[in-house]
Amino acid sequence: MYENIAENLRYLRASRDPVYSQREIAKKLHVSKSTYARYERGELIPPLWFLHQVAVFYGVSVGVLLSKELGKE
């Protein structure tokens, strides 16, 4: 499950037009760039409040972030 979160964070960021940098997304979601990078690499499990912010920002549900591999749909 946690691998999906990292993959989905990378996919959602890359699917934006224009593509945001990790630094830009981190700033918009109120975390440090290094923390956000660790979430994307799967080195750190994001807390629920962060997943909620991501879901709102991208217009998806938290359930989608946790369960699906968005890049493989």
PDB file of N, CA and C in Angstrom:
ATOM      1  N   MET A   1       0.829  -1.198   0.000  1.00  0.00           N
ATOM      2  CA  MET A   1       0.000   0.000   0.000  1.00  0.00           C
ATOM      3  C   MET A   1       0.867   1.253   0.000  1.00  0.00           C
ATOM      4  N   TYR A   2       1.928   1.265   0.817  1.00  0.00           N
ATOM      5  CA  TYR A   2       2.725   2.479   0.934  1.00  0.00           C
ATOM      6  C   TYR A   2       3.479   2.801  -0.351  1.00  0.00           C
ATOM      7  N   GLU A   3       3.826   1.755  -1.118  1.00  0.00           N
ATOM      8  CA  GLU A   3       4.484   1.981  -2.394  1.00  0.00           C
ATOM      9  C   GLU A   3       3.562   2.745  -3.333  1.00  0.00           C
ATOM     10  N   ASN A   4       2.283   2.433  -3.268  1.00  0.00           N
ATOM     11  CA  ASN A   4       1.312   3.136  -4.115  1.00  0.00           C
ATOM     12  C   ASN A   4       1.282   4.625  -3.815  1.00  0.00           C
ATOM     13  N   ILE A   5       1.409   4.985  -2.562  1.00  0.00           N
ATOM     14  CA  ILE A   5       1.377   6.402  -2.199  1.00  0.00           C
ATOM     15  C   ILE A   5       2.530   7.127  -2.879  1.00  0.00           C
ATOM     16  N   ALA A   6       3.730   6.593  -2.763  1.00  0.00           N
ATOM     17  CA  ALA A   6       4.900   7.229  -3.374  1.00  0.00           C
ATOM     18  C   ALA A   6       4.727   7.327  -4.890  1.00  0.00           C
ATOM     19  N   GLU A   7       4.314   6.225  -5.516  1.00  0.00           N
ATOM     20  CA  GLU A   7       4.109   6.224  -6.964  1.00  0.00           C
ATOM     21  C   GLU A   7       3.033   7.224  -7.365  1.00  0.00           C
ATOM     22  N   ASN A   8       1.971   7.286  -6.599  1.00  0.00           N
ATOM     23  CA  ASN A   8       0.879   8.200  -6.929  1.00  0.00           C
ATOM     24  C   ASN A   8       1.277   9.658  -6.746  1.00  0.00           C
ATOM     25  N   LEU A   9       2.073   9.946  -5.735  1.00  0.00           N
ATOM     26  CA  LEU A   9       2.553  11.321  -5.564  1.00  0.00           C
ATOM     27  C   LEU A   9       3.402  11.744  -6.762  1.00  0.00           C
ATOM     28  N   ARG A  10       4.298  10.858  -7.202  1.00  0.00           N
ATOM     29  CA  ARG A  10       5.130  11.167  -8.370  1.00  0.00           C
ATOM     30  C   ARG A  10       4.274  11.333  -9.623  1.00  0.00           C
ATOM     31  N   TYR A  11       3.311  10.417  -9.795  1.00  0.00           N
ATOM     32  CA  TYR A  11       2.452  10.475 -10.978  1.00  0.00           C
ATOM     33  C   TYR A  11       1.625  11.759 -11.000  1.00  0.00           C
ATOM     34  N   LEU A  12       1.013  12.102  -9.889  1.00  0.00           N
ATOM     35  CA  LEU A  12       0.162  13.298  -9.851  1.00  0.00           C
ATOM     36  C   LEU A  12       0.966  14.561 -10.122  1.00  0.00           C
ATOM     37  N   ARG A  13       2.151  14.651  -9.558  1.00  0.00           N
ATOM     38  CA  ARG A  13       2.985  15.832  -9.787  1.00  0.00           C
ATOM     39  C   ARG A  13       3.396  15.919 -11.254  1.00  0.00           C
ATOM     40  N   ALA A  14       3.769  14.799 -11.841  1.00  0.00           N
ATOM     41  CA  ALA A  14       4.225  14.787 -13.236  1.00  0.00           C
ATOM     42  C   ALA A  14       3.089  14.992 -14.229  1.00  0.00           C
ATOM     43  N   SER A  15       1.865  14.687 -13.812  1.00  0.00           N
ATOM     44  CA  SER A  15       0.730  14.798 -14.736  1.00  0.00           C
ATOM     45  C   SER A  15       0.157  16.208 -14.816  1.00  0.00           C
ATOM     46  N   ARG A  16       0.651  17.109 -13.971  1.00  0.00           N
ATOM     47  CA  ARG A  16       0.184  18.500 -14.001  1.00  0.00           C
ATOM     48  C   ARG A  16       0.701  19.202 -15.246  1.00  0.00           C
ATOM     49  N   ASP A  17      -0.042  20.147 -15.732  1.00  0.00           N
ATOM     50  CA  ASP A  17       0.407  20.958 -16.859  1.00  0.00           C
ATOM     51  C   ASP A  17       0.291  22.412 -16.463  1.00  0.00           C
ATOM     52  N   PRO A  18       1.369  23.087 -16.188  1.00  0.00           N
ATOM     53  CA  PRO A  18       2.760  22.647 -16.302  1.00  0.00           C
ATOM     54  C   PRO A  18       3.153  21.750 -15.139  1.00  0.00           C
ATOM     55  N   VAL A  19       4.201  20.957 -15.356  1.00  0.00           N
ATOM     56  CA  VAL A  19       4.702  20.056 -14.317  1.00  0.00           C
ATOM     57  C   VAL A  19       5.338  20.890 -13.210  1.00  0.00           C
ATOM     58  N   TYR A  20       4.947  20.611 -11.971  1.00  0.00           N
ATOM     59  CA  TYR A  20       5.519  21.301 -10.821  1.00  0.00           C
ATOM     60  C   TYR A  20       6.782  20.591 -10.367  1.00  0.00           C
ATOM     61  N   SER A  21       7.712  21.341  -9.816  1.00  0.00           N
ATOM     62  CA  SER A  21       8.890  20.745  -9.190  1.00  0.00           C
ATOM     63  C   SER A  21       8.489  20.245  -7.801  1.00  0.00           C
ATOM     64  N   GLN A  22       9.337  19.409  -7.219  1.00  0.00           N
ATOM     65  CA  GLN A  22       9.073  18.968  -5.854  1.00  0.00           C
ATOM     66  C   GLN A  22       9.033  20.165  -4.913  1.00  0.00           C
ATOM     67  N   ARG A  23       9.896  21.127  -5.141  1.00  0.00           N
ATOM     68  CA  ARG A  23       9.943  22.326  -4.288  1.00  0.00           C
ATOM     69  C   ARG A  23       8.616  23.092  -4.363  1.00  0.00           C
ATOM     70  N   GLU A  24       8.064  23.246  -5.558  1.00  0.00           N
ATOM     71  CA  GLU A  24       6.795  23.975  -5.716  1.00  0.00           C
ATOM     72  C   GLU A  24       5.651  23.255  -5.023  1.00  0.00           C
ATOM     73  N   ILE A  25       5.574  21.947  -5.202  1.00  0.00           N
ATOM     74  CA  ILE A  25       4.504  21.172  -4.558  1.00  0.00           C
ATOM     75  C   ILE A  25       4.663  21.226  -3.040  1.00  0.00           C
ATOM     76  N   ALA A  26       5.881  21.058  -2.569  1.00  0.00           N
ATOM     77  CA  ALA A  26       6.124  21.099  -1.120  1.00  0.00           C
ATOM     78  C   ALA A  26       5.658  22.423  -0.539  1.00  0.00           C
ATOM     79  N   LYS A  27       5.962  23.514  -1.230  1.00  0.00           N
ATOM     80  CA  LYS A  27       5.550  24.831  -0.745  1.00  0.00           C
ATOM     81  C   LYS A  27       4.031  24.946  -0.709  1.00  0.00           C
ATOM     82  N   LYS A  28       3.360  24.477  -1.754  1.00  0.00           N
ATOM     83  CA  LYS A  28       1.896  24.551  -1.814  1.00  0.00           C
ATOM     84  C   LYS A  28       1.234  23.690  -0.733  1.00  0.00           C
ATOM     85  N   LEU A  29       1.906  22.584  -0.357  1.00  0.00           N
ATOM     86  CA  LEU A  29       1.335  21.660   0.622  1.00  0.00           C
ATOM     87  C   LEU A  29       1.909  21.853   2.028  1.00  0.00           C
ATOM     88  N   HIS A  30       2.729  22.900   2.196  1.00  0.00           N
ATOM     89  CA  HIS A  30       3.236  23.313   3.507  1.00  0.00           C
ATOM     90  C   HIS A  30       4.109  22.266   4.200  1.00  0.00           C
ATOM     91  N   VAL A  31       5.020  21.670   3.411  1.00  0.00           N
ATOM     92  CA  VAL A  31       6.050  20.797   3.967  1.00  0.00           C
ATOM     93  C   VAL A  31       7.382  21.197   3.346  1.00  0.00           C
ATOM     94  N   SER A  32       8.469  20.736   3.932  1.00  0.00           N
ATOM     95  CA  SER A  32       9.770  21.049   3.348  1.00  0.00           C
ATOM     96  C   SER A  32       9.975  20.228   2.082  1.00  0.00           C
ATOM     97  N   LYS A  33      10.863  20.707   1.226  1.00  0.00           N
ATOM     98  CA  LYS A  33      11.158  20.001  -0.019  1.00  0.00           C
ATOM     99  C   LYS A  33      11.744  18.633   0.283  1.00  0.00           C
ATOM    100  N   SER A  34      12.616  18.555   1.275  1.00  0.00           N
ATOM    101  CA  SER A  34      13.239  17.269   1.602  1.00  0.00           C
ATOM    102  C   SER A  34      12.216  16.265   2.138  1.00  0.00           C
ATOM    103  N   THR A  35      11.270  16.733   2.922  1.00  0.00           N
ATOM    104  CA  THR A  35      10.214  15.847   3.421  1.00  0.00           C
ATOM    105  C   THR A  35       9.351  15.353   2.274  1.00  0.00           C
ATOM    106  N   TYR A  36       8.960  16.264   1.377  1.00  0.00           N
ATOM    107  CA  TYR A  36       8.147  15.855   0.237  1.00  0.00           C
ATOM    108  C   TYR A  36       8.896  14.848  -0.632  1.00  0.00           C
ATOM    109  N   ALA A  37      10.178  15.078  -0.863  1.00  0.00           N
ATOM    110  CA  ALA A  37      10.985  14.156  -1.672  1.00  0.00           C
ATOM    111  C   ALA A  37      11.017  12.771  -1.035  1.00  0.00           C
ATOM    112  N   ARG A  38      11.105  12.721   0.273  1.00  0.00           N
ATOM    113  CA  ARG A  38      11.098  11.426   0.970  1.00  0.00           C
ATOM    114  C   ARG A  38       9.751  10.732   0.833  1.00  0.00           C
ATOM    115  N   TYR A  39       8.656  11.482   0.811  1.00  0.00           N
ATOM    116  CA  TYR A  39       7.337  10.889   0.564  1.00  0.00           C
ATOM    117  C   TYR A  39       7.306  10.273  -0.836  1.00  0.00           C
ATOM    118  N   GLU A  40       7.812  10.997  -1.829  1.00  0.00           N
ATOM    119  CA  GLU A  40       7.802  10.501  -3.207  1.00  0.00           C
ATOM    120  C   GLU A  40       8.700   9.284  -3.392  1.00  0.00           C
ATOM    121  N   ARG A  41       9.773   9.194  -2.655  1.00  0.00           N
ATOM    122  CA  ARG A  41      10.675   8.046  -2.762  1.00  0.00           C
ATOM    123  C   ARG A  41      10.204   6.865  -1.921  1.00  0.00           C
ATOM    124  N   GLY A  42       9.179   7.061  -1.108  1.00  0.00           N
ATOM    125  CA  GLY A  42       8.672   5.998  -0.258  1.00  0.00           C
ATOM    126  C   GLY A  42       9.522   5.766   0.978  1.00  0.00           C
ATOM    127  N   GLU A  43      10.379   6.722   1.310  1.00  0.00           N
ATOM    128  CA  GLU A  43      11.230   6.604   2.494  1.00  0.00           C
ATOM    129  C   GLU A  43      10.508   7.010   3.770  1.00  0.00           C
ATOM    130  N   LEU A  44       9.435   7.745   3.629  1.00  0.00           N
ATOM    131  CA  LEU A  44       8.680   8.259   4.761  1.00  0.00           C
ATOM    132  C   LEU A  44       7.200   8.134   4.433  1.00  0.00           C
ATOM    133  N   ILE A  45       6.428   7.648   5.379  1.00  0.00           N
ATOM    134  CA  ILE A  45       4.990   7.503   5.174  1.00  0.00           C
ATOM    135  C   ILE A  45       4.326   8.826   5.524  1.00  0.00           C
ATOM    136  N   PRO A  46       3.584   9.412   4.568  1.00  0.00           N
ATOM    137  CA  PRO A  46       2.948  10.701   4.849  1.00  0.00           C
ATOM    138  C   PRO A  46       1.838  10.571   5.892  1.00  0.00           C
ATOM    139  N   PRO A  47       1.700  11.562   6.763  1.00  0.00           N
ATOM    140  CA  PRO A  47       0.600  11.545   7.732  1.00  0.00           C
ATOM    141  C   PRO A  47      -0.735  11.812   7.037  1.00  0.00           C
ATOM    142  N   LEU A  48      -1.798  11.456   7.710  1.00  0.00           N
ATOM    143  CA  LEU A  48      -3.134  11.597   7.140  1.00  0.00           C
ATOM    144  C   LEU A  48      -3.453  13.038   6.754  1.00  0.00           C
ATOM    145  N   TRP A  49      -3.042  14.019   7.576  1.00  0.00           N
ATOM    146  CA  TRP A  49      -3.346  15.419   7.240  1.00  0.00           C
ATOM    147  C   TRP A  49      -2.700  15.804   5.914  1.00  0.00           C
ATOM    148  N   PHE A  50      -1.515  15.270   5.650  1.00  0.00           N
ATOM    149  CA  PHE A  50      -0.836  15.574   4.389  1.00  0.00           C
ATOM    150  C   PHE A  50      -1.559  14.908   3.226  1.00  0.00           C
ATOM    151  N   LEU A  51      -1.967  13.657   3.402  1.00  0.00           N
ATOM    152  CA  LEU A  51      -2.704  12.961   2.337  1.00  0.00           C
ATOM    153  C   LEU A  51      -4.001  13.692   2.009  1.00  0.00           C
ATOM    154  N   HIS A  52      -4.644  14.239   3.036  1.00  0.00           N
ATOM    155  CA  HIS A  52      -5.859  15.013   2.802  1.00  0.00           C
ATOM    156  C   HIS A  52      -5.547  16.252   1.971  1.00  0.00           C
ATOM    157  N   GLN A  53      -4.464  16.950   2.300  1.00  0.00           N
ATOM    158  CA  GLN A  53      -4.082  18.141   1.526  1.00  0.00           C
ATOM    159  C   GLN A  53      -3.777  17.780   0.075  1.00  0.00           C
ATOM    160  N   VAL A  54      -3.088  16.676  -0.135  1.00  0.00           N
ATOM    161  CA  VAL A  54      -2.768  16.219  -1.491  1.00  0.00           C
ATOM    162  C   VAL A  54      -4.052  15.915  -2.252  1.00  0.00           C
ATOM    163  N   ALA A  55      -4.961  15.200  -1.605  1.00  0.00           N
ATOM    164  CA  ALA A  55      -6.224  14.835  -2.245  1.00  0.00           C
ATOM    165  C   ALA A  55      -7.006  16.078  -2.661  1.00  0.00           C
ATOM    166  N   VAL A  56      -7.100  17.049  -1.795  1.00  0.00           N
ATOM    167  CA  VAL A  56      -7.806  18.290  -2.111  1.00  0.00           C
ATOM    168  C   VAL A  56      -7.099  19.029  -3.249  1.00  0.00           C
ATOM    169  N   PHE A  57      -5.785  19.113  -3.179  1.00  0.00           N
ATOM    170  CA  PHE A  57      -5.011  19.834  -4.188  1.00  0.00           C
ATOM    171  C   PHE A  57      -5.208  19.244  -5.583  1.00  0.00           C
ATOM    172  N   TYR A  58      -5.191  17.914  -5.679  1.00  0.00           N
ATOM    173  CA  TYR A  58      -5.313  17.258  -6.977  1.00  0.00           C
ATOM    174  C   TYR A  58      -6.745  16.861  -7.344  1.00  0.00           C
ATOM    175  N   GLY A  59      -7.680  17.021  -6.432  1.00  0.00           N
ATOM    176  CA  GLY A  59      -9.074  16.682  -6.725  1.00  0.00           C
ATOM    177  C   GLY A  59      -9.341  15.185  -6.790  1.00  0.00           C
ATOM    178  N   VAL A  60      -8.669  14.426  -5.927  1.00  0.00           N
ATOM    179  CA  VAL A  60      -8.899  12.987  -5.836  1.00  0.00           C
ATOM    180  C   VAL A  60      -9.231  12.657  -4.389  1.00  0.00           C
ATOM    181  N   SER A  61      -9.646  11.426  -4.137  1.00  0.00           N
ATOM    182  CA  SER A  61      -9.938  11.038  -2.757  1.00  0.00           C
ATOM    183  C   SER A  61      -8.688  10.452  -2.105  1.00  0.00           C
ATOM    184  N   VAL A  62      -8.661  10.485  -0.789  1.00  0.00           N
ATOM    185  CA  VAL A  62      -7.558   9.873  -0.056  1.00  0.00           C
ATOM    186  C   VAL A  62      -7.525   8.379  -0.355  1.00  0.00           C
ATOM    187  N   GLY A  63      -8.679   7.776  -0.505  1.00  0.00           N
ATOM    188  CA  GLY A  63      -8.748   6.353  -0.839  1.00  0.00           C
ATOM    189  C   GLY A  63      -8.045   6.035  -2.138  1.00  0.00           C
ATOM    190  N   VAL A  64      -8.191   6.898  -3.109  1.00  0.00           N
ATOM    191  CA  VAL A  64      -7.503   6.703  -4.386  1.00  0.00           C
ATOM    192  C   VAL A  64      -5.992   6.770  -4.185  1.00  0.00           C
ATOM    193  N   LEU A  65      -5.529   7.710  -3.385  1.00  0.00           N
ATOM    194  CA  LEU A  65      -4.090   7.832  -3.114  1.00  0.00           C
ATOM    195  C   LEU A  65      -3.530   6.564  -2.467  1.00  0.00           C
ATOM    196  N   LEU A  66      -4.338   5.916  -1.651  1.00  0.00           N
ATOM    197  CA  LEU A  66      -3.872   4.748  -0.915  1.00  0.00           C
ATOM    198  C   LEU A  66      -3.978   3.451  -1.697  1.00  0.00           C
ATOM    199  N   SER A  67      -4.975   3.312  -2.543  1.00  0.00           N
ATOM    200  CA  SER A  67      -5.268   1.990  -3.075  1.00  0.00           C
ATOM    201  C   SER A  67      -4.952   1.758  -4.537  1.00  0.00           C
ATOM    202  N   LYS A  68      -4.944   2.771  -5.340  1.00  0.00           N
ATOM    203  CA  LYS A  68      -4.768   2.574  -6.778  1.00  0.00           C
ATOM    204  C   LYS A  68      -3.392   3.005  -7.227  1.00  0.00           C
ATOM    205  N   GLU A  69      -2.942   2.427  -8.309  1.00  0.00           N
ATOM    206  CA  GLU A  69      -1.739   2.892  -8.957  1.00  0.00           C
ATOM    207  C   GLU A  69      -2.199   3.767 -10.121  1.00  0.00           C
ATOM    208  N   LEU A  70      -2.253   5.048  -9.884  1.00  0.00           N
ATOM    209  CA  LEU A  70      -2.843   5.984 -10.843  1.00  0.00           C
ATOM    210  C   LEU A  70      -2.168   5.961 -12.205  1.00  0.00           C
ATOM    211  N   GLY A  71      -0.880   5.757 -12.247  1.00  0.00           N
ATOM    212  CA  GLY A  71      -0.160   5.754 -13.500  1.00  0.00           C
ATOM    213  C   GLY A  71      -0.420   4.542 -14.365  1.00  0.00           C
ATOM    214  N   LYS A  72      -1.080   3.539 -13.823  1.00  0.00           N
ATOM    215  CA  LYS A  72      -1.338   2.293 -14.559  1.00  0.00           C
ATOM    216  C   LYS A  72      -2.784   2.162 -14.987  1.00  0.00           C
ATOM    217  N   GLU A  73      -3.541   3.225 -14.854  1.00  0.00           N
ATOM    218  CA  GLU A  73      -4.963   3.173 -15.253  1.00  0.00           C
ATOM    219  C   GLU A  73      -5.081   3.417 -16.741  1.00  0.00           C
TER     220      GLU A  73
END
